[in-house]
């Protein structure tokens, strides 16, 4: 009997309620943590590397000013970190190599395959002029009034970049002038004024914004002997633009180059743009935020950097020379996505995941209670066996052991009911069985005590107790 009781005694109770509470708390903390992490990654500032050069150029100064303005904003989504290069070509290569997220490039140079337009930083015009003849001397240069007359002449080019030389050669070729029969001399932009004063060239070429101080200073330096320069019109600008889509036909307004009569009339020329481009694959939301900040802040920089006010939106046409980045296009077209638009799918899937987690949690809670239900079922069956045993027992000691075991089963059953492992109907059925067991034990004890041998033994026990 002892061995049977030990084998089917109640198992140590594992608190399903505590485990369920632990699971719920862990799940809630995971949800809160995921939400906080998602929000942090969604709104944290992104630092973009922007390639720009060369040193001391207007482009670099403008980008540095933009970077400072971006970084000083309190609720900025994008910050800038300039990556200085040797020029537009080097910037384009830096972007192509994946070492920058943004770059300032020339539209008339090879555009990296992974570049997409974000904004037009500035438009450049080509200015070609012939210095005035020196006083008292007849100079052949004074007779040059057309580009076609530059064959065999010396031409000074402002800037060290090969792109300006290539541009000059393209213009000369359009007018039937063999570039090999022209002497081309280059000098750094920051040394242009001094170089032009000492250089006896027949004509000059400069590239920059229509009101570029560098171009104006170069023209002024070439007129040190007095008189006014002769500006060479690029009448074939339409044809050049037709053959080379990177260029556009343009005009230099009268009086825009340093004085009211310089030039004294509009001069036809060609223009091209310096673009801010982004690496293809850069997040649409990030580029849209950068574009929005760029156009919001450009006006505040115009006093120190007039070129910043000239920043324009990119060409969003499908046949644009440089395809526009989807993020920039969304800003320009007013289709920029809100936070909910961008993350609605993630939110929906998260809700579905949380719902699935809830269902899984409910199943898991039921699974945790299964052991308790199974144990309680076996204990109820044990109680019924004990009821049968009690009715056949011949020993009050055995009945006391059965009563103690029944008390343990009762305690375990009440714990199961409290934790939700069993329902009220099951508890009611158990109470009926327990009541029958108690009645059987009481009846059996009364019967055993009424037997003669038990009465005699009971009397002896009373006498022994009195003697003691």
Protein backbone atom coordinates (compact mmCIF):
# COMPACT_ATOMS: atom_id res chain seq x y z
CA UNK A 1 0.00 0.00 0.00
CA UNK A 2 2.81 2.35 0.82
CA UNK A 3 4.52 1.72 -2.50
CA UNK A 4 1.32 2.41 -4.43
CA UNK A 5 0.73 5.64 -2.56
CA UNK A 6 4.25 6.85 -3.29
CA UNK A 7 3.97 6.03 -6.96
CA UNK A 8 0.81 8.03 -7.50
CA UNK A 9 1.32 10.84 -5.01
CA UNK A 10 0.71 14.39 -6.41
CA UNK A 11 3.56 15.76 -8.49
CA UNK A 12 5.22 19.02 -7.40
CA UNK A 13 2.99 21.81 -8.76
CA UNK A 14 4.51 24.00 -11.49
CA UNK A 15 2.83 27.37 -11.38
CA UNK A 16 1.38 27.92 -14.87
CA UNK A 17 0.19 31.32 -13.76
CA UNK A 18 3.71 32.46 -12.97
CA UNK A 19 5.08 31.09 -16.21
CA UNK A 20 2.29 32.69 -18.19
CA UNK A 21 2.91 35.99 -16.46
CA UNK A 22 6.60 35.72 -17.28
CA UNK A 23 5.81 35.02 -20.93
CA UNK A 24 3.39 37.97 -21.11
CA UNK A 25 5.89 40.35 -19.48
CA UNK A 26 8.69 39.16 -21.77
CA UNK A 27 6.44 39.56 -24.82
CA UNK A 28 5.38 43.05 -23.74
CA UNK A 29 8.99 44.09 -23.18
CA UNK A 30 9.93 42.69 -26.59
CA UNK A 31 7.13 44.65 -28.26
CA UNK A 32 8.08 47.87 -26.46
CA UNK A 33 11.75 47.35 -27.29
CA UNK A 34 11.00 46.65 -30.94
CA UNK A 35 8.77 49.73 -31.12
CA UNK A 36 11.40 51.98 -29.55
CA UNK A 37 14.15 50.55 -31.76
CA UNK A 38 12.01 50.94 -34.88
CA UNK A 39 11.18 54.54 -34.01
CA UNK A 40 14.83 55.31 -33.25
CA UNK A 41 16.04 53.91 -36.54
CA UNK A 42 13.22 55.68 -38.39
CA UNK A 43 13.90 59.19 -37.04
CA UNK A 44 17.61 59.16 -36.21
CA UNK A 45 19.70 61.56 -38.33
CA UNK A 46 21.48 59.96 -41.26
CA UNK A 47 24.95 61.27 -42.12
CA UNK A 48 25.56 61.39 -45.87
CA UNK A 49 29.03 61.69 -47.39
CA UNK A 50 29.10 64.20 -50.23
CA UNK A 51 32.07 64.31 -52.62
CA UNK A 52 33.00 67.79 -53.80
CA UNK A 53 36.07 69.63 -55.07
CA UNK A 54 38.51 71.02 -55.80
CA UNK A 55 39.89 72.82 -52.76
CA UNK A 56 38.95 76.52 -52.41
CA UNK A 57 36.24 76.16 -55.10
CA UNK A 58 32.83 77.76 -54.81
CA UNK A 59 31.25 74.31 -54.84
CA UNK A 60 33.25 73.23 -51.81
CA UNK A 61 32.43 76.41 -49.89
CA UNK A 62 28.71 76.05 -50.61
CA UNK A 63 28.70 72.40 -49.54
CA UNK A 64 30.59 73.23 -46.35
CA UNK A 65 28.02 75.92 -45.58
CA UNK A 66 25.20 73.47 -46.24
CA UNK A 67 26.84 70.88 -44.01
CA UNK A 68 27.20 73.36 -41.17
CA UNK A 69 23.59 74.49 -41.55
CA UNK A 70 22.31 70.90 -41.67
CA UNK A 71 24.32 69.85 -38.66
CA UNK A 72 23.18 72.85 -36.59
CA UNK A 73 19.50 72.11 -37.06
CA UNK A 74 17.84 70.64 -33.96
CA UNK A 75 15.43 68.25 -35.66
CA UNK A 76 17.38 67.40 -38.76
CA UNK A 77 16.91 64.08 -40.49
CA UNK A 78 20.04 64.33 -42.61
CA UNK A 79 23.54 65.52 -41.84
CA UNK A 80 26.35 66.09 -44.34
CA UNK A 81 30.01 65.19 -44.23
CA UNK A 82 32.00 66.72 -47.14
CA UNK A 83 34.54 64.45 -48.82
CA UNK A 84 37.03 66.73 -50.60
CA UNK A 85 38.23 65.66 -54.04
CA UNK A 86 40.38 67.09 -56.82
CA UNK A 87 37.40 68.12 -58.90
CA UNK A 88 34.11 67.08 -60.49
CA UNK A 89 35.63 64.07 -62.27
CA UNK A 90 37.18 62.80 -59.05
CA UNK A 91 33.87 63.36 -57.23
CA UNK A 92 32.04 61.32 -59.85
CA UNK A 93 34.55 58.51 -59.46
CA UNK A 94 34.24 58.62 -55.68
CA UNK A 95 30.50 58.13 -56.02
CA UNK A 96 30.98 55.35 -58.57
CA UNK A 97 33.33 53.56 -56.16
CA UNK A 98 30.74 53.71 -53.39
CA UNK A 99 32.92 55.95 -51.21
CA UNK A 100 30.28 58.70 -51.11
CA UNK A 101 26.49 58.89 -50.94
CA UNK A 102 26.23 62.20 -52.79
CA UNK A 103 28.49 64.06 -55.20
CA UNK A 104 28.78 67.34 -57.09
CA UNK A 105 29.42 66.51 -60.75
CA UNK A 106 29.53 68.33 -64.07
CA UNK A 107 26.71 67.47 -66.39
CA UNK A 108 28.98 67.51 -69.45
CA UNK A 109 31.28 64.79 -68.08
CA UNK A 110 30.68 61.06 -67.89
CA UNK A 111 27.95 60.43 -65.33
CA UNK A 112 28.45 57.36 -63.10
CA UNK A 113 26.01 54.57 -63.82
CA UNK A 114 24.91 54.55 -60.19
CA UNK A 115 24.21 58.33 -60.09
CA UNK A 116 20.72 59.80 -59.94
CA UNK A 117 19.93 63.52 -59.91
CA UNK A 118 18.80 65.24 -56.73
CA UNK A 119 19.19 68.95 -57.54
CA UNK A 120 20.87 71.40 -59.89
CA UNK A 121 23.53 73.17 -57.86
CA UNK A 122 24.22 75.82 -60.48
CA UNK A 123 24.16 76.52 -64.18
CA UNK A 124 27.38 77.46 -65.95
CA UNK A 125 27.79 79.50 -69.09
CA UNK A 126 30.77 79.59 -71.43
CA UNK A 127 32.28 83.05 -71.85
CA UNK A 128 34.77 83.61 -74.67
CA UNK A 129 36.33 87.01 -75.23
CA UNK A 130 39.19 88.78 -76.98
CA UNK A 131 41.11 91.38 -74.95
CA UNK A 132 41.25 94.95 -76.32
CA UNK A 133 44.21 95.94 -78.43
CA UNK A 134 47.06 97.59 -76.56
CA UNK A 135 47.18 101.35 -76.99
CA UNK A 136 49.50 102.50 -79.71
CA UNK A 137 49.95 99.01 -81.07
CA UNK A 138 48.09 97.13 -83.69
CA UNK A 139 47.25 93.72 -82.36
CA UNK A 140 45.85 90.92 -84.41
CA UNK A 141 43.74 89.86 -81.47
CA UNK A 142 41.68 93.05 -81.79
CA UNK A 143 40.48 91.91 -85.18
CA UNK A 144 39.04 88.64 -83.94
CA UNK A 145 35.27 88.84 -83.86
CA UNK A 146 34.32 85.24 -84.57
CA UNK A 147 35.33 81.87 -83.22
CA UNK A 148 36.22 80.71 -86.71
CA UNK A 149 39.08 83.26 -86.68
CA UNK A 150 40.86 81.54 -83.75
CA UNK A 151 42.83 79.14 -85.94
CA UNK A 152 46.56 79.54 -85.21
CA UNK A 153 45.89 81.69 -82.13
CA UNK A 154 46.78 81.32 -78.47
CA UNK A 155 43.82 80.78 -76.17
CA UNK A 156 43.97 80.97 -72.39
CA UNK A 157 41.64 78.70 -70.43
CA UNK A 158 40.69 79.55 -66.85
CA UNK A 159 40.95 76.48 -64.60
CA UNK A 160 43.13 73.41 -64.57
CA UNK A 161 40.40 70.88 -65.27
CA UNK A 162 40.74 69.05 -68.60
CA UNK A 163 36.96 69.36 -68.98
CA UNK A 164 37.27 73.06 -69.91
CA UNK A 165 39.88 72.26 -72.55
CA UNK A 166 37.68 69.53 -73.98
CA UNK A 167 34.80 71.97 -74.07
CA UNK A 168 36.93 74.50 -75.97
CA UNK A 169 37.92 71.83 -78.47
CA UNK A 170 34.28 70.88 -78.98
CA UNK A 171 33.39 74.51 -79.74
CA UNK A 172 36.33 74.94 -82.10
CA UNK A 173 35.44 71.75 -83.95
CA UNK A 174 31.86 72.95 -84.39
CA UNK A 175 33.26 76.01 -86.21
CA UNK A 176 35.68 74.03 -88.32
CA UNK A 177 38.80 75.05 -86.39
CA UNK A 178 41.30 72.23 -85.90
CA UNK A 179 42.12 72.14 -82.15
CA UNK A 180 45.62 70.92 -83.06
CA UNK A 181 46.28 74.26 -84.76
CA UNK A 182 45.42 76.25 -81.63
CA UNK A 183 47.79 76.86 -78.72
CA UNK A 184 45.92 76.27 -75.48
CA UNK A 185 47.29 77.54 -72.17
CA UNK A 186 45.69 76.69 -68.82
CA UNK A 187 46.15 78.31 -65.42
CA UNK A 188 44.60 77.68 -62.00
CA UNK A 189 41.40 79.53 -61.22
CA UNK A 190 42.85 81.07 -58.07
CA UNK A 191 45.76 82.44 -60.12
CA UNK A 192 43.68 83.62 -63.06
CA UNK A 193 43.98 87.37 -62.50
CA UNK A 194 47.76 87.39 -62.17
CA UNK A 195 48.22 84.89 -64.99
CA UNK A 196 46.06 86.86 -67.42
CA UNK A 197 47.97 90.06 -66.65
CA UNK A 198 51.18 88.37 -67.73
CA UNK A 199 49.79 86.18 -70.50
CA UNK A 200 49.66 87.61 -74.00
CA UNK A 201 46.83 85.45 -75.33
CA UNK A 202 44.65 86.23 -78.31
CA UNK A 203 41.46 85.02 -76.62
CA UNK A 204 40.24 83.55 -73.35
CA UNK A 205 37.64 81.06 -72.20
CA UNK A 206 36.06 80.89 -68.75
CA UNK A 207 33.28 78.67 -67.47
CA UNK A 208 31.08 79.50 -64.51
CA UNK A 209 27.80 81.07 -63.39
CA UNK A 210 26.57 84.04 -65.40
CA UNK A 211 27.66 86.46 -62.68
CA UNK A 212 30.78 84.56 -61.60
CA UNK A 213 33.23 86.80 -59.79
CA UNK A 214 36.07 84.67 -61.15
CA UNK A 215 34.99 85.31 -64.75
CA UNK A 216 34.44 89.01 -64.13
CA UNK A 217 37.88 89.37 -62.51
CA UNK A 218 39.49 87.49 -65.41
CA UNK A 219 37.84 89.80 -67.96
CA UNK A 220 38.89 92.87 -65.98
CA UNK A 221 42.47 91.61 -65.76
CA UNK A 222 42.60 91.17 -69.55
CA UNK A 223 41.60 94.81 -70.10
CA UNK A 224 44.41 96.39 -68.07
CA UNK A 225 45.54 98.34 -71.14
CA UNK A 226 42.15 100.04 -71.43
CA UNK A 227 39.30 99.53 -73.83
CA UNK A 228 36.59 96.93 -73.81
CA UNK A 229 36.91 93.24 -74.67
CA UNK A 230 35.19 91.68 -77.64
CA UNK A 231 32.86 88.85 -76.68
CA UNK A 232 32.69 85.95 -79.09
CA UNK A 233 29.17 84.63 -79.55
CA UNK A 234 28.57 80.91 -79.90
CA UNK A 235 25.94 81.21 -82.61
CA UNK A 236 25.95 77.46 -83.11
CA UNK A 237 24.70 76.86 -79.57
CA UNK A 238 21.50 75.20 -80.80
CA UNK A 239 23.45 72.80 -82.97
CA UNK A 240 25.86 71.97 -80.13
CA UNK A 241 22.96 71.32 -77.76
CA UNK A 242 21.33 69.11 -80.38
CA UNK A 243 24.46 67.02 -80.82
CA UNK A 244 25.47 67.01 -77.17
CA UNK A 245 22.44 66.77 -74.79
CA UNK A 246 24.53 67.77 -71.77
CA UNK A 247 24.64 71.34 -73.13
CA UNK A 248 21.88 73.87 -73.61
CA UNK A 249 21.64 76.98 -75.74
CA UNK A 250 21.84 80.04 -73.51
CA UNK A 251 22.49 83.79 -73.53
CA UNK A 252 24.75 86.04 -71.51
CA UNK A 253 22.57 89.02 -70.49
CA UNK A 254 23.76 92.51 -71.37
CA UNK A 255 25.62 94.22 -68.53
CA UNK A 256 26.05 91.03 -66.48
CA UNK A 257 29.86 90.86 -66.59
CA UNK A 258 31.06 93.68 -64.42
CA UNK A 259 29.66 96.84 -65.95
CA UNK A 260 26.51 98.17 -67.61
CA UNK A 261 27.99 97.78 -71.10
CA UNK A 262 29.86 94.53 -70.61
CA UNK A 263 28.60 93.04 -72.76
CA UNK A 264 26.66 95.78 -74.47
CA UNK A 265 24.18 93.28 -75.88
CA UNK A 266 23.09 89.71 -75.30
CA UNK A 267 25.68 87.15 -76.34
CA UNK A 268 24.71 83.67 -77.45
CA UNK A 269 26.53 80.85 -75.72
CA UNK A 270 26.06 77.36 -74.30
CA UNK A 271 25.48 76.28 -70.74
CA UNK A 272 25.60 73.14 -68.63
CA UNK A 273 24.84 72.30 -65.04
CA UNK A 274 26.62 71.17 -61.95
CA UNK A 275 24.39 68.53 -60.38
CA UNK A 276 23.98 67.15 -56.91
CA UNK A 277 23.57 63.44 -57.51
CA UNK A 278 22.86 60.56 -55.16
CA UNK A 279 24.03 57.01 -55.22
CA UNK A 280 21.45 54.71 -56.76
CA UNK A 281 19.93 52.56 -54.07
CA UNK A 282 20.14 55.25 -51.39
CA UNK A 283 16.89 55.22 -49.42
CA UNK A 284 14.08 57.19 -51.05
CA UNK A 285 13.07 58.58 -47.66
CA UNK A 286 16.63 59.74 -46.95
CA UNK A 287 17.01 61.47 -50.32
CA UNK A 288 13.57 63.07 -49.97
CA UNK A 289 14.53 64.39 -46.53
CA UNK A 290 17.84 65.72 -47.88
CA UNK A 291 16.09 67.44 -50.79
CA UNK A 292 13.50 68.97 -48.49
CA UNK A 293 16.17 70.32 -46.13
CA UNK A 294 18.25 71.58 -49.06
CA UNK A 295 15.48 73.73 -50.50
CA UNK A 296 14.33 74.86 -47.07
CA UNK A 297 17.76 76.19 -46.13
CA UNK A 298 19.13 77.57 -49.39
CA UNK A 299 17.55 81.02 -48.96
CA UNK A 300 19.17 81.47 -45.55
CA UNK A 301 22.60 81.06 -47.18
CA UNK A 302 22.13 83.45 -50.07
CA UNK A 303 23.69 86.44 -48.28
CA UNK A 304 27.01 84.64 -47.73
CA UNK A 305 26.75 82.34 -50.72
CA UNK A 306 24.62 83.85 -53.50
CA UNK A 307 25.08 80.66 -55.54
CA UNK A 308 23.07 78.74 -52.93
CA UNK A 309 19.95 80.68 -53.88
CA UNK A 310 20.34 79.40 -57.45
CA UNK A 311 19.89 75.77 -56.50
CA UNK A 312 17.11 74.32 -58.64
CA UNK A 313 14.98 71.21 -58.68
CA UNK A 314 16.11 68.40 -61.00
CA UNK A 315 14.53 67.46 -64.30
CA UNK A 316 11.95 64.79 -63.48
CA UNK A 317 11.17 63.88 -67.10
CA UNK A 318 11.81 60.29 -68.06
CA UNK A 319 14.14 61.37 -70.86
CA UNK A 320 16.29 63.57 -68.59
CA UNK A 321 20.04 63.42 -69.22
CA UNK A 322 20.56 62.26 -65.64
CA UNK A 323 17.66 60.19 -64.30
CA UNK A 324 16.16 61.68 -61.17
CA UNK A 325 16.33 59.83 -57.87
CA UNK A 326 12.86 58.59 -56.80
CA UNK A 327 13.21 60.32 -53.44
CA UNK A 328 13.95 63.70 -55.06
CA UNK A 329 11.16 63.16 -57.58
CA UNK A 330 8.71 62.46 -54.74
CA UNK A 331 9.64 65.78 -53.11
CA UNK A 332 9.42 67.74 -56.37
CA UNK A 333 6.08 66.19 -57.37
CA UNK A 334 4.60 66.56 -53.88
CA UNK A 335 4.31 62.81 -53.46
CA UNK A 336 6.68 62.41 -50.54
CA UNK A 337 5.50 59.62 -48.28
CA UNK A 338 4.60 60.27 -44.65
CA UNK A 339 5.81 58.10 -41.79
CA UNK A 340 2.65 55.99 -41.95
CA UNK A 341 2.91 55.68 -45.73
CA UNK A 342 6.48 54.41 -45.49
CA UNK A 343 5.95 52.03 -42.62
CA UNK A 344 2.28 51.02 -42.95
CA UNK A 345 3.26 47.62 -44.31
CA UNK A 346 5.65 47.06 -41.43
CA UNK A 347 3.01 48.18 -38.93
CA UNK A 348 0.42 45.87 -40.49
CA UNK A 349 2.76 42.90 -40.45
CA UNK A 350 3.76 43.77 -36.88
CA UNK A 351 0.10 43.72 -35.80
CA UNK A 352 -0.32 40.39 -37.54
CA UNK A 353 2.79 39.12 -35.78
CA UNK A 354 1.53 40.37 -32.41
CA UNK A 355 -1.81 38.67 -33.05
CA UNK A 356 0.00 35.46 -33.89
CA UNK A 357 2.10 35.87 -30.77
CA UNK A 358 -1.09 36.27 -28.73
CA UNK A 359 -2.55 33.10 -30.20
CA UNK A 360 0.71 31.29 -29.62
CA UNK A 361 0.81 32.61 -26.07
CA UNK A 362 -2.71 31.37 -25.41
CA UNK A 363 -1.79 27.97 -26.83
CA UNK A 364 1.39 27.92 -24.79
CA UNK A 365 -0.52 28.85 -21.65
CA UNK A 366 -2.91 25.99 -22.34
CA UNK A 367 0.03 23.70 -22.95
CA UNK A 368 1.59 24.70 -19.65
CA UNK A 369 -1.68 23.87 -17.85
CA UNK A 370 -1.99 20.52 -19.59
CA UNK A 371 0.39 18.84 -17.17
CA UNK A 372 -1.63 20.12 -14.23
CA UNK A 373 -4.88 18.95 -15.80
CA UNK A 374 -3.40 15.52 -16.47
CA UNK A 375 -2.05 15.32 -12.92
CA UNK A 376 -5.39 16.38 -11.47
CA UNK A 377 -7.21 13.78 -13.55
CA UNK A 378 -4.92 11.03 -12.30
CA UNK A 379 -5.38 12.27 -8.74
CA UNK A 380 -9.15 12.21 -9.12
CA UNK A 381 -8.90 8.62 -10.33
CA UNK A 382 -6.62 7.89 -7.37
CA UNK A 383 -9.24 9.37 -5.05
CA UNK A 384 -11.84 6.99 -6.45
CA UNK A 385 -9.45 4.08 -5.91
CA UNK A 386 -8.86 5.31 -2.38
CA UNK A 387 -12.63 5.35 -1.85
CA UNK A 388 -12.78 1.65 -2.75
CA UNK A 389 -9.76 0.90 -0.58
CA UNK A 390 -11.22 2.76 2.39
CA UNK A 391 -14.40 0.66 2.28
CA UNK A 392 -12.34 -2.53 2.45
CA UNK A 393 -9.66 -1.42 4.88
CA UNK A 394 -9.09 -3.35 8.11
CA UNK A 395 -6.76 -0.81 9.73
CA UNK A 396 -7.44 2.62 11.13
CA UNK A 397 -3.80 3.49 10.48
CA UNK A 398 -4.30 2.79 6.82
CA UNK A 399 -7.42 4.96 6.85
CA UNK A 400 -5.41 7.80 8.43
CA UNK A 401 -2.77 7.50 5.67
CA UNK A 402 -5.50 7.61 3.04
CA UNK A 403 -6.98 10.68 4.73
CA UNK A 404 -3.60 12.45 4.67
CA UNK A 405 -3.17 11.61 0.98
CA UNK A 406 -6.65 12.94 0.27
CA UNK A 407 -5.73 16.21 1.98
CA UNK A 408 -2.72 16.58 -0.34
CA UNK A 409 -4.90 15.86 -3.37
CA UNK A 410 -7.38 18.50 -2.19
CA UNK A 411 -4.63 21.08 -1.80
CA UNK A 412 -3.30 20.39 -5.31
CA UNK A 413 -6.80 20.51 -6.81
CA UNK A 414 -7.53 23.90 -5.27
CA UNK A 415 -4.24 25.23 -6.65
CA UNK A 416 -5.15 23.96 -10.11
CA UNK A 417 -8.52 25.68 -9.90
CA UNK A 418 -6.89 28.93 -8.80
CA UNK A 419 -4.44 28.82 -11.75
CA UNK A 420 -7.18 28.09 -14.23
CA UNK A 421 -6.00 24.58 -15.05
CA UNK A 422 -9.42 23.11 -14.21
CA UNK A 423 -12.90 24.55 -14.48
CA UNK A 424 -15.59 24.92 -11.85
CA UNK A 425 -17.49 21.88 -13.11
CA UNK A 426 -14.43 19.70 -12.62
CA UNK A 427 -13.99 21.07 -9.11
CA UNK A 428 -17.61 20.28 -8.29
CA UNK A 429 -17.18 16.68 -9.46
CA UNK A 430 -14.03 16.41 -7.35
CA UNK A 431 -15.86 17.71 -4.28
CA UNK A 432 -18.51 15.03 -4.71
CA UNK A 433 -15.87 12.31 -4.91
CA UNK A 434 -14.02 13.78 -1.91
CA UNK A 435 -17.21 13.90 0.16
CA UNK A 436 -17.91 10.26 -0.67
CA UNK A 437 -14.36 9.38 0.36
CA UNK A 438 -14.69 11.16 3.71
CA UNK A 439 -18.01 9.41 4.38
CA UNK A 440 -16.49 6.05 3.50
CA UNK A 441 -13.53 6.63 5.85
CA UNK A 442 -15.79 7.74 8.68
CA UNK A 443 -18.14 4.77 8.25
CA UNK A 444 -15.21 2.33 8.03
CA UNK A 445 -13.57 3.70 11.17
CA UNK A 446 -16.85 3.44 13.07
CA UNK A 447 -17.27 -0.13 11.91
CA UNK A 448 -13.73 -1.11 12.89
CA UNK A 449 -14.04 0.49 16.31
CA UNK A 450 -17.29 -1.37 16.98
CA UNK A 451 -15.66 -4.81 16.58
CA UNK A 452 -15.03 -6.74 19.96
CA UNK A 453 -11.28 -7.03 19.51
CA UNK A 454 -11.05 -3.35 18.79
CA UNK A 455 -13.27 -2.50 21.78
CA UNK A 456 -11.03 -4.59 24.09
CA UNK A 457 -7.89 -3.00 22.66
CA UNK A 458 -9.42 0.43 23.04
CA UNK A 459 -10.21 -0.25 26.68
CA UNK A 460 -6.68 -1.44 27.32
CA UNK A 461 -5.37 1.74 25.74
CA UNK A 462 -7.60 3.84 28.01
CA UNK A 463 -6.37 1.93 31.12
CA UNK A 464 -2.75 2.34 30.05
CA UNK A 465 -3.32 6.01 29.53
CA UNK A 466 -4.92 6.34 33.01
CA UNK A 467 -2.04 4.48 34.73
CA UNK A 468 0.46 6.71 32.97
